[in-house]
Amino acid sequence: MNPVLKSCLFYGAGRVGQLPGIRTLFAGRAVIIVYHEIQRDCQSELMTGTSVSLFEYSLNWLQREGWSIVSLDECLQKLATHDRSRRYAVLTFDDGYRDNLSVALPILEQNNAPFMMYVPTGAPTRSMQSWWLALRKLFISREKVTIDALSRQFHCPDIRSKISAFAEVIRWVHQDYRRGATLTPTFKRNGISLAALNDEYFLDERELRILARHPLASIGGHTTSHPALATLDYSSARAELADNRKYLENLLQLPIRHLAYPYGTLRACGSREEQLANEVGFQTAVTTRQQQLHDPIVNHFALPRIGVDSPSAFRARMSGIVEAAQALRCPEAARTT
């Protein structure tokens, strides 16, 4: 969809969703929100994360509109007991970015907001094939970028063209998550070190241990190497989950009971992955399927989450109108919760 048209539609849905009757009719009982990086300067990072202002807006909006920010455990307990006194929001962060500690945590503390961070083993150990960070570095640092696996060259003299080209390659990878690995020769040819980027952007083991002891923080698993689990055979997918859980429990000396599937789409995780998560000892698993939680009985191994792209898109998602419209178009997709 054209970005301008999409923005207008979200804006209109968000305005309509501000009507109390609409919220009562369509909004869920609870919502799980997903963030990644919380960036002080989004433009310099090609608009790949959530700005500080948008992050603060989302927290302020939740509290102003009467949503109670709670831990994932408390949220599910409230749903299970049919508690309808409030609507509940859970804040989650994927991948273990260092700015979640340096930028987001002070804001979370100011709002007394509990949160969950899902951490892949390869982030603190610096072994993760974080192709998206390397791809971003490539476009930031060069005006001409050749993506060998795509057989494309991009001319990117300014920020706008860099953002557009970067987004195009991201969409190409997300059509088949195995394509991420095919970018490695391009990174090597351009002298981009994945280990150095991991060290720059992700928490190390010491920082993660400190964060895990914070009264607002919970830590969850996110696999060992951040693959799309559905692309792996059974034993490899199981090992990704089990080994990550074991690593985090040994490192933090805490039980690791919650999981986020990498990428989180229907193509990246399905019923097999739900079964595997249960088998290796997780109690919940979250996706990136853009829905709220409505019913007291939910599939704990396919919990949906809502992203925060802009104020209007966030308001529209939170109103429930977008989800209701999608359910009318595709009833099967609406039944994932």
C-alpha atoms as a PDB file:
ATOM      1  CA  MET A   1       0.000   0.000   0.000  1.00  0.00           C
ATOM      2  CA  ASN A   2       1.173   3.541  -0.744  1.00  0.00           C
ATOM      3  CA  PRO A   3       2.738   4.896   2.494  1.00  0.00           C
ATOM      4  CA  VAL A   4       0.838   8.200   2.282  1.00  0.00           C
ATOM      5  CA  LEU A   5      -2.493   6.416   1.757  1.00  0.00           C
ATOM      6  CA  LYS A   6      -1.702   4.004   4.573  1.00  0.00           C
ATOM      7  CA  SER A   7      -0.883   6.903   6.890  1.00  0.00           C
ATOM      8  CA  CYS A   8      -4.156   8.642   5.994  1.00  0.00           C
ATOM      9  CA  LEU A   9      -6.172   5.490   6.638  1.00  0.00           C
ATOM     10  CA  PHE A  10      -4.517   4.992  10.035  1.00  0.00           C
ATOM     11  CA  TYR A  11      -5.112   8.637  10.874  1.00  0.00           C
ATOM     12  CA  GLY A  12      -8.802   8.367  10.018  1.00  0.00           C
ATOM     13  CA  ALA A  13      -9.191   5.117  11.948  1.00  0.00           C
ATOM     14  CA  GLY A  14      -7.391   6.625  14.912  1.00  0.00           C
ATOM     15  CA  ARG A  15      -9.699   9.651  14.960  1.00  0.00           C
ATOM     16  CA  VAL A  16     -12.802   7.481  14.797  1.00  0.00           C
ATOM     17  CA  GLY A  17     -11.324   5.185  17.425  1.00  0.00           C
ATOM     18  CA  GLN A  18     -11.180   8.050  19.910  1.00  0.00           C
ATOM     19  CA  LEU A  19     -14.959   7.914  20.226  1.00  0.00           C
ATOM     20  CA  PRO A  20     -15.800   6.164  23.529  1.00  0.00           C
ATOM     21  CA  GLY A  21     -18.479   3.984  21.949  1.00  0.00           C
ATOM     22  CA  ILE A  22     -16.075   2.733  19.292  1.00  0.00           C
ATOM     23  CA  ARG A  23     -13.418   1.835  21.858  1.00  0.00           C
ATOM     24  CA  THR A  24     -15.990  -0.002  23.975  1.00  0.00           C
ATOM     25  CA  LEU A  25     -17.196  -1.949  20.953  1.00  0.00           C
ATOM     26  CA  PHE A  26     -13.902  -2.921  19.305  1.00  0.00           C
ATOM     27  CA  ALA A  27     -10.955  -2.573  21.704  1.00  0.00           C
ATOM     28  CA  GLY A  28      -9.679  -5.732  23.392  1.00  0.00           C
ATOM     29  CA  ARG A  29      -9.304  -6.495  27.069  1.00  0.00           C
ATOM     30  CA  ALA A  30      -5.530  -6.471  26.808  1.00  0.00           C
ATOM     31  CA  VAL A  31      -2.706  -5.762  24.397  1.00  0.00           C
ATOM     32  CA  ILE A  32       0.949  -6.766  24.132  1.00  0.00           C
ATOM     33  CA  ILE A  33       3.094  -4.062  22.505  1.00  0.00           C
ATOM     34  CA  VAL A  34       6.377  -4.766  20.752  1.00  0.00           C
ATOM     35  CA  TYR A  35       9.357  -2.416  20.491  1.00  0.00           C
ATOM     36  CA  HIS A  36      12.901  -2.963  19.256  1.00  0.00           C
ATOM     37  CA  GLU A  37      15.353  -0.061  19.349  1.00  0.00           C
ATOM     38  CA  ILE A  38      14.409   3.167  21.143  1.00  0.00           C
ATOM     39  CA  GLN A  39      16.494   5.702  19.233  1.00  0.00           C
ATOM     40  CA  ARG A  40      17.484   9.255  20.095  1.00  0.00           C
ATOM     41  CA  ASP A  41      18.105  10.018  16.399  1.00  0.00           C
ATOM     42  CA  CYS A  42      15.903   7.837  14.217  1.00  0.00           C
ATOM     43  CA  GLN A  43      16.845   9.535  10.963  1.00  0.00           C
ATOM     44  CA  SER A  44      20.531   8.688  11.351  1.00  0.00           C
ATOM     45  CA  GLU A  45      19.492   5.036  11.781  1.00  0.00           C
ATOM     46  CA  LEU A  46      17.247   5.141   8.674  1.00  0.00           C
ATOM     47  CA  MET A  47      14.002   5.273  10.687  1.00  0.00           C
ATOM     48  CA  THR A  48      14.421   1.673  11.829  1.00  0.00           C
ATOM     49  CA  GLY A  49      13.424   2.041  15.478  1.00  0.00           C
ATOM     50  CA  THR A  50      11.041   3.934  17.726  1.00  0.00           C
ATOM     51  CA  SER A  51      11.886   7.539  18.508  1.00  0.00           C
ATOM     52  CA  VAL A  52      12.036   8.715  22.111  1.00  0.00           C
ATOM     53  CA  SER A  53       9.093  11.040  21.503  1.00  0.00           C
ATOM     54  CA  LEU A  54       6.947   8.259  20.020  1.00  0.00           C
ATOM     55  CA  PHE A  55       7.904   5.907  22.843  1.00  0.00           C
ATOM     56  CA  GLU A  56       6.925   8.509  25.438  1.00  0.00           C
ATOM     57  CA  TYR A  57       3.731   9.252  23.499  1.00  0.00           C
ATOM     58  CA  SER A  58       2.686   5.586  23.544  1.00  0.00           C
ATOM     59  CA  LEU A  59       3.193   5.300  27.314  1.00  0.00           C
ATOM     60  CA  ASN A  60       1.407   8.564  28.019  1.00  0.00           C
ATOM     61  CA  TRP A  61      -1.467   7.604  25.715  1.00  0.00           C
ATOM     62  CA  LEU A  62      -1.964   4.261  27.456  1.00  0.00           C
ATOM     63  CA  GLN A  63      -2.146   5.861  30.874  1.00  0.00           C
ATOM     64  CA  ARG A  64      -4.338   8.741  29.718  1.00  0.00           C
ATOM     65  CA  GLU A  65      -6.798   6.344  28.090  1.00  0.00           C
ATOM     66  CA  GLY A  66      -7.041   4.146  31.178  1.00  0.00           C
ATOM     67  CA  TRP A  67      -4.881   1.188  30.156  1.00  0.00           C
ATOM     68  CA  SER A  68      -2.960  -0.301  33.088  1.00  0.00           C
ATOM     69  CA  ILE A  69       0.640  -1.237  32.205  1.00  0.00           C
ATOM     70  CA  VAL A  70       1.365  -4.609  33.812  1.00  0.00           C
ATOM     71  CA  SER A  71       3.717  -7.570  33.463  1.00  0.00           C
ATOM     72  CA  LEU A  72       2.863 -10.369  31.048  1.00  0.00           C
ATOM     73  CA  ASP A  73       2.141 -12.743  33.930  1.00  0.00           C
ATOM     74  CA  GLU A  74      -0.273 -10.301  35.549  1.00  0.00           C
ATOM     75  CA  CYS A  75      -1.985  -9.580  32.248  1.00  0.00           C
ATOM     76  CA  LEU A  76      -2.683 -13.245  31.541  1.00  0.00           C
ATOM     77  CA  GLN A  77      -3.837 -13.780  35.110  1.00  0.00           C
ATOM     78  CA  LYS A  78      -6.286 -10.872  34.790  1.00  0.00           C
ATOM     79  CA  LEU A  79      -7.649 -12.318  31.552  1.00  0.00           C
ATOM     80  CA  ALA A  80      -7.993 -15.812  33.013  1.00  0.00           C
ATOM     81  CA  THR A  81      -9.990 -14.525  35.994  1.00  0.00           C
ATOM     82  CA  HIS A  82     -12.329 -12.450  33.791  1.00  0.00           C
ATOM     83  CA  ASP A  83     -11.114  -9.229  35.412  1.00  0.00           C
ATOM     84  CA  ARG A  84     -12.870  -6.482  33.448  1.00  0.00           C
ATOM     85  CA  SER A  85     -12.102  -3.616  35.832  1.00  0.00           C
ATOM     86  CA  ARG A  86      -9.375  -2.237  33.528  1.00  0.00           C
ATOM     87  CA  ARG A  87      -7.777  -2.798  30.171  1.00  0.00           C
ATOM     88  CA  TYR A  88      -4.207  -4.076  30.390  1.00  0.00           C
ATOM     89  CA  ALA A  89      -1.071  -3.364  28.349  1.00  0.00           C
ATOM     90  CA  VAL A  90       2.203  -5.313  28.335  1.00  0.00           C
ATOM     91  CA  LEU A  91       5.421  -3.695  27.043  1.00  0.00           C
ATOM     92  CA  THR A  92       7.934  -5.972  25.310  1.00  0.00           C
ATOM     93  CA  PHE A  93      11.339  -5.335  23.703  1.00  0.00           C
ATOM     94  CA  ASP A  94      12.965  -7.756  21.251  1.00  0.00           C
ATOM     95  CA  ASP A  95      16.661  -8.567  20.765  1.00  0.00           C
ATOM     96  CA  GLY A  96      18.329  -6.927  23.778  1.00  0.00           C
ATOM     97  CA  TYR A  97      19.400  -3.589  22.338  1.00  0.00           C
ATOM     98  CA  ARG A  98      21.662  -1.442  24.493  1.00  0.00           C
ATOM     99  CA  ASP A  99      19.444   1.617  24.015  1.00  0.00           C
ATOM    100  CA  ASN A 100      16.646  -0.235  25.815  1.00  0.00           C
ATOM    101  CA  LEU A 101      18.827   0.181  28.909  1.00  0.00           C
ATOM    102  CA  SER A 102      20.315   3.624  28.271  1.00  0.00           C
ATOM    103  CA  VAL A 103      17.313   5.336  26.662  1.00  0.00           C
ATOM    104  CA  ALA A 104      14.119   3.406  27.400  1.00  0.00           C
ATOM    105  CA  LEU A 105      14.725   2.317  31.000  1.00  0.00           C
ATOM    106  CA  PRO A 106      14.740   5.835  32.537  1.00  0.00           C
ATOM    107  CA  ILE A 107      11.415   6.546  30.817  1.00  0.00           C
ATOM    108  CA  LEU A 108       9.990   3.239  32.008  1.00  0.00           C
ATOM    109  CA  GLU A 109      11.135   4.060  35.539  1.00  0.00           C
ATOM    110  CA  GLN A 110       9.434   7.457  35.394  1.00  0.00           C
ATOM    111  CA  ASN A 111       6.199   5.699  34.445  1.00  0.00           C
ATOM    112  CA  ASN A 112       6.710   2.765  36.848  1.00  0.00           C
ATOM    113  CA  ALA A 113       6.087   0.529  33.840  1.00  0.00           C
ATOM    114  CA  PRO A 114       7.084  -3.155  33.966  1.00  0.00           C
ATOM    115  CA  PHE A 115       8.442  -4.665  30.761  1.00  0.00           C
ATOM    116  CA  MET A 116       9.694  -7.862  29.135  1.00  0.00           C
ATOM    117  CA  MET A 117      12.942  -8.095  27.152  1.00  0.00           C
ATOM    118  CA  TYR A 118      13.363 -11.076  24.828  1.00  0.00           C
ATOM    119  CA  VAL A 119      17.056 -11.887  24.287  1.00  0.00           C
ATOM    120  CA  PRO A 120      18.696 -14.197  21.725  1.00  0.00           C
ATOM    121  CA  THR A 121      21.895 -15.889  22.876  1.00  0.00           C
ATOM    122  CA  GLY A 122      23.863 -14.457  19.965  1.00  0.00           C
ATOM    123  CA  ALA A 123      23.296 -10.850  21.048  1.00  0.00           C
ATOM    124  CA  PRO A 124      25.258 -10.798  24.340  1.00  0.00           C
ATOM    125  CA  THR A 125      27.719 -13.428  23.064  1.00  0.00           C
ATOM    126  CA  ARG A 126      28.315 -11.309  19.932  1.00  0.00           C
ATOM    127  CA  SER A 127      27.828 -14.340  17.664  1.00  0.00           C
ATOM    128  CA  MET A 128      24.492 -13.411  16.074  1.00  0.00           C
ATOM    129  CA  GLN A 129      24.226 -13.000  12.312  1.00  0.00           C
ATOM    130  CA  SER A 130      22.527  -9.621  12.658  1.00  0.00           C
ATOM    131  CA  TRP A 131      22.209  -9.040   8.929  1.00  0.00           C
ATOM    132  CA  TRP A 132      19.739  -6.159   9.420  1.00  0.00           C
ATOM    133  CA  LEU A 133      22.308  -4.136  11.365  1.00  0.00           C
ATOM    134  CA  ALA A 134      24.956  -4.773   8.710  1.00  0.00           C
ATOM    135  CA  LEU A 135      22.530  -3.882   5.925  1.00  0.00           C
ATOM    136  CA  ARG A 136      21.681  -0.621   7.672  1.00  0.00           C
ATOM    137  CA  LYS A 137      25.376   0.167   8.151  1.00  0.00           C
ATOM    138  CA  LEU A 138      25.962  -0.497   4.459  1.00  0.00           C
ATOM    139  CA  PHE A 139      23.295   1.953   3.313  1.00  0.00           C
ATOM    140  CA  ILE A 140      24.243   4.602   5.886  1.00  0.00           C
ATOM    141  CA  SER A 141      27.910   4.584   4.902  1.00  0.00           C
ATOM    142  CA  ARG A 142      27.678   4.510   1.093  1.00  0.00           C
ATOM    143  CA  GLU A 143      25.975   6.364  -1.723  1.00  0.00           C
ATOM    144  CA  LYS A 144      26.171   3.391  -4.091  1.00  0.00           C
ATOM    145  CA  VAL A 145      25.199   0.001  -2.678  1.00  0.00           C
ATOM    146  CA  THR A 146      25.342  -3.267  -4.610  1.00  0.00           C
ATOM    147  CA  ILE A 147      23.404  -6.184  -3.153  1.00  0.00           C
ATOM    148  CA  ASP A 148      24.968  -9.192  -4.831  1.00  0.00           C
ATOM    149  CA  ALA A 149      22.282 -11.733  -3.901  1.00  0.00           C
ATOM    150  CA  LEU A 150      19.585  -9.430  -5.269  1.00  0.00           C
ATOM    151  CA  SER A 151      21.590  -8.455  -8.353  1.00  0.00           C
ATOM    152  CA  ARG A 152      20.725  -4.833  -7.697  1.00  0.00           C
ATOM    153  CA  GLN A 153      22.653  -1.624  -7.306  1.00  0.00           C
ATOM    154  CA  PHE A 154      21.103   1.292  -5.425  1.00  0.00           C
ATOM    155  CA  HIS A 155      22.095   4.941  -5.794  1.00  0.00           C
ATOM    156  CA  CYS A 156      21.462   6.572  -2.406  1.00  0.00           C
ATOM    157  CA  PRO A 157      22.814  10.143  -2.179  1.00  0.00           C
ATOM    158  CA  ASP A 158      20.467  11.290   0.603  1.00  0.00           C
ATOM    159  CA  ILE A 159      18.609  10.023   3.652  1.00  0.00           C
ATOM    160  CA  ARG A 160      15.290   9.591   1.857  1.00  0.00           C
ATOM    161  CA  SER A 161      16.768   7.382  -0.864  1.00  0.00           C
ATOM    162  CA  LYS A 162      18.732   5.385   1.716  1.00  0.00           C
ATOM    163  CA  ILE A 163      15.579   4.731   3.748  1.00  0.00           C
ATOM    164  CA  SER A 164      13.668   3.664   0.633  1.00  0.00           C
ATOM    165  CA  ALA A 165      16.398   1.336  -0.653  1.00  0.00           C
ATOM    166  CA  PHE A 166      17.012  -0.201   2.762  1.00  0.00           C
ATOM    167  CA  ALA A 167      13.279  -0.879   3.138  1.00  0.00           C
ATOM    168  CA  GLU A 168      13.168  -2.534  -0.288  1.00  0.00           C
ATOM    169  CA  VAL A 169      15.928  -5.004   0.622  1.00  0.00           C
ATOM    170  CA  ILE A 170      14.291  -5.704   4.001  1.00  0.00           C
ATOM    171  CA  ARG A 171      11.030  -6.594   2.224  1.00  0.00           C
ATOM    172  CA  TRP A 172      12.973  -8.891  -0.113  1.00  0.00           C
ATOM    173  CA  VAL A 173      14.541 -10.755   2.803  1.00  0.00           C
ATOM    174  CA  HIS A 174      11.220 -11.065   4.620  1.00  0.00           C
ATOM    175  CA  GLN A 175       9.734 -12.838   1.601  1.00  0.00           C
ATOM    176  CA  ASP A 176      12.134 -15.695   2.405  1.00  0.00           C
ATOM    177  CA  TYR A 177      13.960 -15.350   5.732  1.00  0.00           C
ATOM    178  CA  ARG A 178      16.794 -17.592   4.517  1.00  0.00           C
ATOM    179  CA  ARG A 179      17.877 -14.770   2.228  1.00  0.00           C
ATOM    180  CA  GLY A 180      19.447 -12.939   5.160  1.00  0.00           C
ATOM    181  CA  ALA A 181      22.374 -15.354   5.109  1.00  0.00           C
ATOM    182  CA  THR A 182      22.994 -14.648   1.411  1.00  0.00           C
ATOM    183  CA  LEU A 183      23.982 -11.063   2.274  1.00  0.00           C
ATOM    184  CA  THR A 184      27.126 -12.152   4.153  1.00  0.00           C
ATOM    185  CA  PRO A 185      29.498 -11.974   1.122  1.00  0.00           C
ATOM    186  CA  THR A 186      28.326  -8.409   0.458  1.00  0.00           C
ATOM    187  CA  PHE A 187      29.090  -7.391   4.022  1.00  0.00           C
ATOM    188  CA  LYS A 188      32.528  -8.997   3.917  1.00  0.00           C
ATOM    189  CA  ARG A 189      33.338  -7.319   0.616  1.00  0.00           C
ATOM    190  CA  ASN A 190      32.467  -3.975   2.153  1.00  0.00           C
ATOM    191  CA  GLY A 191      34.434  -4.559   5.364  1.00  0.00           C
ATOM    192  CA  ILE A 192      31.407  -4.621   7.665  1.00  0.00           C
ATOM    193  CA  SER A 193      31.877  -6.676  10.841  1.00  0.00           C
ATOM    194  CA  LEU A 194      28.808  -8.305  12.367  1.00  0.00           C
ATOM    195  CA  ALA A 195      30.673  -8.900  15.637  1.00  0.00           C
ATOM    196  CA  ALA A 196      31.536  -5.199  15.901  1.00  0.00           C
ATOM    197  CA  LEU A 197      27.915  -4.202  15.243  1.00  0.00           C
ATOM    198  CA  ASN A 198      26.690  -6.690  17.841  1.00  0.00           C
ATOM    199  CA  ASP A 199      29.114  -5.167  20.332  1.00  0.00           C
ATOM    200  CA  GLU A 200      27.927  -1.659  19.493  1.00  0.00           C
ATOM    201  CA  TYR A 201      24.184  -2.249  19.587  1.00  0.00           C
ATOM    202  CA  PHE A 202      23.436  -5.117  21.978  1.00  0.00           C
ATOM    203  CA  LEU A 203      23.735  -5.476  25.743  1.00  0.00           C
ATOM    204  CA  ASP A 204      26.663  -7.571  26.913  1.00  0.00           C
ATOM    205  CA  GLU A 205      26.367 -10.311  29.528  1.00  0.00           C
ATOM    206  CA  ARG A 206      27.254  -8.014  32.431  1.00  0.00           C
ATOM    207  CA  GLU A 207      24.664  -5.426  31.419  1.00  0.00           C
ATOM    208  CA  LEU A 208      22.043  -8.120  30.928  1.00  0.00           C
ATOM    209  CA  ARG A 209      22.683  -9.550  34.396  1.00  0.00           C
ATOM    210  CA  ILE A 210      22.255  -6.086  35.907  1.00  0.00           C
ATOM    211  CA  LEU A 211      19.050  -5.435  33.970  1.00  0.00           C
ATOM    212  CA  ALA A 212      17.580  -8.803  34.951  1.00  0.00           C
ATOM    213  CA  ARG A 213      17.688  -7.744  38.615  1.00  0.00           C
ATOM    214  CA  HIS A 214      15.741  -4.548  37.993  1.00  0.00           C
ATOM    215  CA  PRO A 215      12.311  -4.662  39.703  1.00  0.00           C
ATOM    216  CA  LEU A 216      10.503  -3.625  36.514  1.00  0.00           C
ATOM    217  CA  ALA A 217      12.303  -6.059  34.196  1.00  0.00           C
ATOM    218  CA  SER A 218      11.553  -9.599  33.070  1.00  0.00           C
ATOM    219  CA  ILE A 219      13.768 -11.529  30.641  1.00  0.00           C
ATOM    220  CA  GLY A 220      12.503 -13.967  28.039  1.00  0.00           C
ATOM    221  CA  GLY A 221      14.040 -16.176  25.372  1.00  0.00           C
ATOM    222  CA  HIS A 222      14.412 -15.337  21.679  1.00  0.00           C
ATOM    223  CA  THR A 223      16.291 -18.404  20.318  1.00  0.00           C
ATOM    224  CA  THR A 224      20.040 -18.871  20.017  1.00  0.00           C
ATOM    225  CA  SER A 225      20.771 -17.292  16.622  1.00  0.00           C
ATOM    226  CA  HIS A 226      17.514 -15.491  15.718  1.00  0.00           C
ATOM    227  CA  PRO A 227      16.395 -17.674  12.786  1.00  0.00           C
ATOM    228  CA  ALA A 228      12.902 -18.003  11.380  1.00  0.00           C
ATOM    229  CA  LEU A 229      12.178 -21.298  13.140  1.00  0.00           C
ATOM    230  CA  ALA A 230       9.817 -22.540  10.437  1.00  0.00           C
ATOM    231  CA  THR A 231      12.756 -22.666   7.999  1.00  0.00           C
ATOM    232  CA  LEU A 232      14.655 -25.162  10.204  1.00  0.00           C
ATOM    233  CA  ASP A 233      14.253 -28.908  10.628  1.00  0.00           C
ATOM    234  CA  TYR A 234      12.666 -30.190  13.835  1.00  0.00           C
ATOM    235  CA  SER A 235      15.830 -30.932  15.789  1.00  0.00           C
ATOM    236  CA  SER A 236      17.521 -27.639  14.832  1.00  0.00           C
ATOM    237  CA  ALA A 237      14.450 -25.603  15.754  1.00  0.00           C
ATOM    238  CA  ARG A 238      14.142 -27.411  19.076  1.00  0.00           C
ATOM    239  CA  ALA A 239      17.809 -26.799  19.861  1.00  0.00           C
ATOM    240  CA  GLU A 240      17.430 -23.078  19.085  1.00  0.00           C
ATOM    241  CA  LEU A 241      14.772 -22.858  21.782  1.00  0.00           C
ATOM    242  CA  ALA A 242      16.187 -25.228  24.385  1.00  0.00           C
ATOM    243  CA  ASP A 243      19.779 -23.971  24.179  1.00  0.00           C
ATOM    244  CA  ASN A 244      18.710 -20.325  24.430  1.00  0.00           C
ATOM    245  CA  ARG A 245      16.593 -21.035  27.507  1.00  0.00           C
ATOM    246  CA  LYS A 246      19.446 -22.945  29.147  1.00  0.00           C
ATOM    247  CA  TYR A 247      21.969 -20.200  28.341  1.00  0.00           C
ATOM    248  CA  LEU A 248      19.820 -17.431  29.838  1.00  0.00           C
ATOM    249  CA  GLU A 249      18.969 -19.435  32.958  1.00  0.00           C
ATOM    250  CA  ASN A 250      22.639 -20.206  33.562  1.00  0.00           C
ATOM    251  CA  LEU A 251      23.690 -16.608  32.937  1.00  0.00           C
ATOM    252  CA  LEU A 252      20.970 -14.922  34.987  1.00  0.00           C
ATOM    253  CA  GLN A 253      20.241 -17.625  37.578  1.00  0.00           C
ATOM    254  CA  LEU A 254      16.551 -17.000  36.966  1.00  0.00           C
ATOM    255  CA  PRO A 255      13.781 -19.109  35.407  1.00  0.00           C
ATOM    256  CA  ILE A 256      13.133 -18.238  31.749  1.00  0.00           C
ATOM    257  CA  ARG A 257       9.474 -18.960  31.090  1.00  0.00           C
ATOM    258  CA  HIS A 258       8.556 -16.665  28.193  1.00  0.00           C
ATOM    259  CA  LEU A 259       9.553 -16.660  24.513  1.00  0.00           C
ATOM    260  CA  ALA A 260       9.327 -14.428  21.454  1.00  0.00           C
ATOM    261  CA  TYR A 261       9.558 -16.106  18.061  1.00  0.00           C
ATOM    262  CA  PRO A 262      12.056 -14.314  15.781  1.00  0.00           C
ATOM    263  CA  TYR A 263      10.193 -12.345  13.081  1.00  0.00           C
ATOM    264  CA  GLY A 264       6.941 -13.683  14.548  1.00  0.00           C
ATOM    265  CA  THR A 265       4.915 -13.865  11.337  1.00  0.00           C
ATOM    266  CA  LEU A 266       2.830 -16.800  10.139  1.00  0.00           C
ATOM    267  CA  ARG A 267       5.661 -17.716   7.752  1.00  0.00           C
ATOM    268  CA  ALA A 268       8.209 -17.742  10.587  1.00  0.00           C
ATOM    269  CA  CYS A 269       6.331 -19.731  13.234  1.00  0.00           C
ATOM    270  CA  GLY A 270       3.293 -21.985  13.329  1.00  0.00           C
ATOM    271  CA  SER A 271       1.777 -24.917  15.175  1.00  0.00           C
ATOM    272  CA  ARG A 272       5.041 -26.920  15.152  1.00  0.00           C
ATOM    273  CA  GLU A 273       6.890 -24.050  16.819  1.00  0.00           C
ATOM    274  CA  GLU A 274       4.110 -23.699  19.396  1.00  0.00           C
ATOM    275  CA  GLN A 275       4.529 -27.369  20.270  1.00  0.00           C
ATOM    276  CA  LEU A 276       8.309 -27.027  20.501  1.00  0.00           C
ATOM    277  CA  ALA A 277       8.087 -24.002  22.781  1.00  0.00           C
ATOM    278  CA  ASN A 278       5.846 -25.976  25.109  1.00  0.00           C
ATOM    279  CA  GLU A 279       8.095 -29.047  24.987  1.00  0.00           C
ATOM    280  CA  VAL A 280      11.276 -27.209  26.027  1.00  0.00           C
ATOM    281  CA  GLY A 281       9.629 -25.545  29.012  1.00  0.00           C
ATOM    282  CA  PHE A 282       8.369 -22.138  27.984  1.00  0.00           C
ATOM    283  CA  GLN A 283       4.959 -21.113  29.317  1.00  0.00           C
ATOM    284  CA  THR A 284       4.134 -18.435  26.751  1.00  0.00           C
ATOM    285  CA  ALA A 285       5.311 -17.362  23.300  1.00  0.00           C
ATOM    286  CA  VAL A 286       4.577 -14.124  21.467  1.00  0.00           C
ATOM    287  CA  THR A 287       4.309 -13.426  17.741  1.00  0.00           C
ATOM    288  CA  THR A 288       4.163 -10.205  15.721  1.00  0.00           C
ATOM    289  CA  ARG A 289       0.592 -10.776  14.520  1.00  0.00           C
ATOM    290  CA  GLN A 290      -1.115  -7.416  14.897  1.00  0.00           C
ATOM    291  CA  GLN A 291      -4.018  -8.147  17.217  1.00  0.00           C
ATOM    292  CA  GLN A 292      -5.245  -7.486  20.739  1.00  0.00           C
ATOM    293  CA  LEU A 293      -6.368 -10.014  23.345  1.00  0.00           C
ATOM    294  CA  HIS A 294     -10.124 -10.273  23.727  1.00  0.00           C
ATOM    295  CA  ASP A 295     -11.003 -13.561  25.372  1.00  0.00           C
ATOM    296  CA  PRO A 296     -10.109 -15.056  28.771  1.00  0.00           C
ATOM    297  CA  ILE A 297      -8.998 -18.246  26.993  1.00  0.00           C
ATOM    298  CA  VAL A 298      -6.066 -17.517  24.665  1.00  0.00           C
ATOM    299  CA  ASN A 299      -3.406 -19.605  22.974  1.00  0.00           C
ATOM    300  CA  HIS A 300      -0.436 -18.906  25.253  1.00  0.00           C
ATOM    301  CA  PHE A 301       1.965 -20.078  22.533  1.00  0.00           C
ATOM    302  CA  ALA A 302       0.711 -17.723  19.814  1.00  0.00           C
ATOM    303  CA  LEU A 303       0.105 -14.444  21.617  1.00  0.00           C
ATOM    304  CA  PRO A 304      -0.267 -11.481  19.227  1.00  0.00           C
ATOM    305  CA  ARG A 305       1.490  -8.142  19.622  1.00  0.00           C
ATOM    306  CA  ILE A 306       0.958  -4.638  18.269  1.00  0.00           C
ATOM    307  CA  GLY A 307       3.782  -2.484  16.916  1.00  0.00           C
ATOM    308  CA  VAL A 308       4.191   1.283  17.315  1.00  0.00           C
ATOM    309  CA  ASP A 309       4.884   2.965  13.952  1.00  0.00           C
ATOM    310  CA  SER A 310       3.350   6.421  14.429  1.00  0.00           C
ATOM    311  CA  PRO A 311       0.864   8.111  16.777  1.00  0.00           C
ATOM    312  CA  SER A 312      -2.021   7.713  14.325  1.00  0.00           C
ATOM    313  CA  ALA A 313      -1.234   4.070  13.547  1.00  0.00           C
ATOM    314  CA  PHE A 314      -0.875   3.331  17.255  1.00  0.00           C
ATOM    315  CA  ARG A 315      -4.225   4.938  18.095  1.00  0.00           C
ATOM    316  CA  ALA A 316      -5.886   3.070  15.237  1.00  0.00           C
ATOM    317  CA  ARG A 317      -4.453  -0.270  16.351  1.00  0.00           C
ATOM    318  CA  MET A 318      -5.436   0.369  19.959  1.00  0.00           C
ATOM    319  CA  SER A 319      -9.004   1.303  19.014  1.00  0.00           C
ATOM    320  CA  GLY A 320      -9.600  -2.160  17.570  1.00  0.00           C
ATOM    321  CA  ILE A 321     -11.014  -0.757  14.327  1.00  0.00           C
ATOM    322  CA  VAL A 322      -8.118  -1.946  12.147  1.00  0.00           C
ATOM    323  CA  GLU A 323      -8.339  -5.436  13.622  1.00  0.00           C
ATOM    324  CA  ALA A 324     -12.111  -5.538  13.125  1.00  0.00           C
ATOM    325  CA  ALA A 325     -11.725  -4.521   9.474  1.00  0.00           C
ATOM    326  CA  GLN A 326      -9.065  -7.187   8.925  1.00  0.00           C
ATOM    327  CA  ALA A 327     -11.317  -9.800  10.524  1.00  0.00           C
ATOM    328  CA  LEU A 328     -14.066  -8.978   8.059  1.00  0.00           C
ATOM    329  CA  ARG A 329     -11.646  -9.402   5.146  1.00  0.00           C
ATOM    330  CA  CYS A 330      -9.911 -12.531   6.476  1.00  0.00           C
ATOM    331  CA  PRO A 331     -11.872 -14.340   9.231  1.00  0.00           C
ATOM    332  CA  GLU A 332      -9.300 -17.171   9.525  1.00  0.00           C
ATOM    333  CA  ALA A 333      -6.458 -14.808  10.395  1.00  0.00           C
ATOM    334  CA  ALA A 334      -8.570 -13.197  13.099  1.00  0.00           C
ATOM    335  CA  ARG A 335      -8.850 -16.449  15.033  1.00  0.00           C
ATOM    336  CA  THR A 336      -5.159 -16.772  15.958  1.00  0.00           C
ATOM    337  CA  THR A 337      -5.809 -15.626  19.537  1.00  0.00           C
END
